[in-house]
Amino acid sequence: MLTVAVSAVVLTAWLAGADPRSGPPFDPLQQLGMFYLDEPAPLLDGLG
């Protein structure tokens, strides 16, 4: 579960870094990435 979230964040970061000028096409992916970024934080706090 956590691996999937991390993978999604890494993929989103890679896509965002691949071509920053093409913003609109990647907007849904960035929103998905932010969702995954926000989700695992409490989980990580619980583990740490």
C-alpha atoms as a PDB file:
ATOM      1  CA  MET A   1       0.000   0.000   0.000  1.00  0.00           C
ATOM      2  CA  LEU A   2       2.703   2.446   1.033  1.00  0.00           C
ATOM      3  CA  THR A   3       4.875   1.292  -1.873  1.00  0.00           C
ATOM      4  CA  VAL A   4       2.056   2.119  -4.295  1.00  0.00           C
ATOM      5  CA  ALA A   5       1.700   5.587  -2.781  1.00  0.00           C
ATOM      6  CA  VAL A   6       5.447   6.235  -2.967  1.00  0.00           C
ATOM      7  CA  SER A   7       5.539   4.951  -6.552  1.00  0.00           C
ATOM      8  CA  ALA A   8       2.703   7.291  -7.512  1.00  0.00           C
ATOM      9  CA  VAL A   9       4.512  10.247  -5.939  1.00  0.00           C
ATOM     10  CA  VAL A  10       7.785   9.361  -7.677  1.00  0.00           C
ATOM     11  CA  LEU A  11       6.013   8.883 -11.005  1.00  0.00           C
ATOM     12  CA  THR A  12       4.216  12.201 -10.627  1.00  0.00           C
ATOM     13  CA  ALA A  13       7.441  13.969  -9.694  1.00  0.00           C
ATOM     14  CA  TRP A  14       9.180  12.411 -12.697  1.00  0.00           C
ATOM     15  CA  LEU A  15       6.383  13.454 -15.045  1.00  0.00           C
ATOM     16  CA  ALA A  16       6.349  16.964 -13.594  1.00  0.00           C
ATOM     17  CA  GLY A  17      10.134  17.193 -13.947  1.00  0.00           C
ATOM     18  CA  ALA A  18      10.199  15.642 -17.411  1.00  0.00           C
ATOM     19  CA  ASP A  19       8.618  18.709 -19.048  1.00  0.00           C
ATOM     20  CA  PRO A  20       7.445  21.488 -16.711  1.00  0.00           C
ATOM     21  CA  ARG A  21       6.126  23.532 -19.659  1.00  0.00           C
ATOM     22  CA  SER A  22       3.390  21.000 -20.422  1.00  0.00           C
ATOM     23  CA  GLY A  23       1.330  21.749 -17.328  1.00  0.00           C
ATOM     24  CA  PRO A  24      -2.343  21.179 -18.280  1.00  0.00           C
ATOM     25  CA  PRO A  25      -1.999  17.567 -19.572  1.00  0.00           C
ATOM     26  CA  PHE A  26      -0.294  16.552 -16.320  1.00  0.00           C
ATOM     27  CA  ASP A  27      -2.707  18.369 -14.000  1.00  0.00           C
ATOM     28  CA  PRO A  28      -4.792  15.242 -13.163  1.00  0.00           C
ATOM     29  CA  LEU A  29      -1.609  13.315 -12.407  1.00  0.00           C
ATOM     30  CA  GLN A  30      -0.348  16.117 -10.182  1.00  0.00           C
ATOM     31  CA  GLN A  31      -3.649  16.148  -8.309  1.00  0.00           C
ATOM     32  CA  LEU A  32      -3.378  12.379  -7.868  1.00  0.00           C
ATOM     33  CA  GLY A  33       0.197  12.808  -6.693  1.00  0.00           C
ATOM     34  CA  MET A  34      -0.814  15.396  -4.102  1.00  0.00           C
ATOM     35  CA  PHE A  35      -3.575  13.074  -2.881  1.00  0.00           C
ATOM     36  CA  TYR A  36      -1.056  10.267  -2.390  1.00  0.00           C
ATOM     37  CA  LEU A  37       1.412  12.711  -0.858  1.00  0.00           C
ATOM     38  CA  ASP A  38      -1.138  13.801   1.739  1.00  0.00           C
ATOM     39  CA  GLU A  39      -2.373  10.289   2.537  1.00  0.00           C
ATOM     40  CA  PRO A  40       0.734   8.447   3.804  1.00  0.00           C
ATOM     41  CA  ALA A  41       1.806  11.238   6.187  1.00  0.00           C
ATOM     42  CA  PRO A  42      -0.276   9.999   9.191  1.00  0.00           C
ATOM     43  CA  LEU A  43       0.787   6.432   8.371  1.00  0.00           C
ATOM     44  CA  LEU A  44       4.456   7.428   8.436  1.00  0.00           C
ATOM     45  CA  ASP A  45       3.909   9.315  11.702  1.00  0.00           C
ATOM     46  CA  GLY A  46       2.374   6.190  13.196  1.00  0.00           C
ATOM     47  CA  LEU A  47       5.310   4.046  12.077  1.00  0.00           C
ATOM     48  CA  GLY A  48       7.927   6.554  13.214  1.00  0.00           C
END
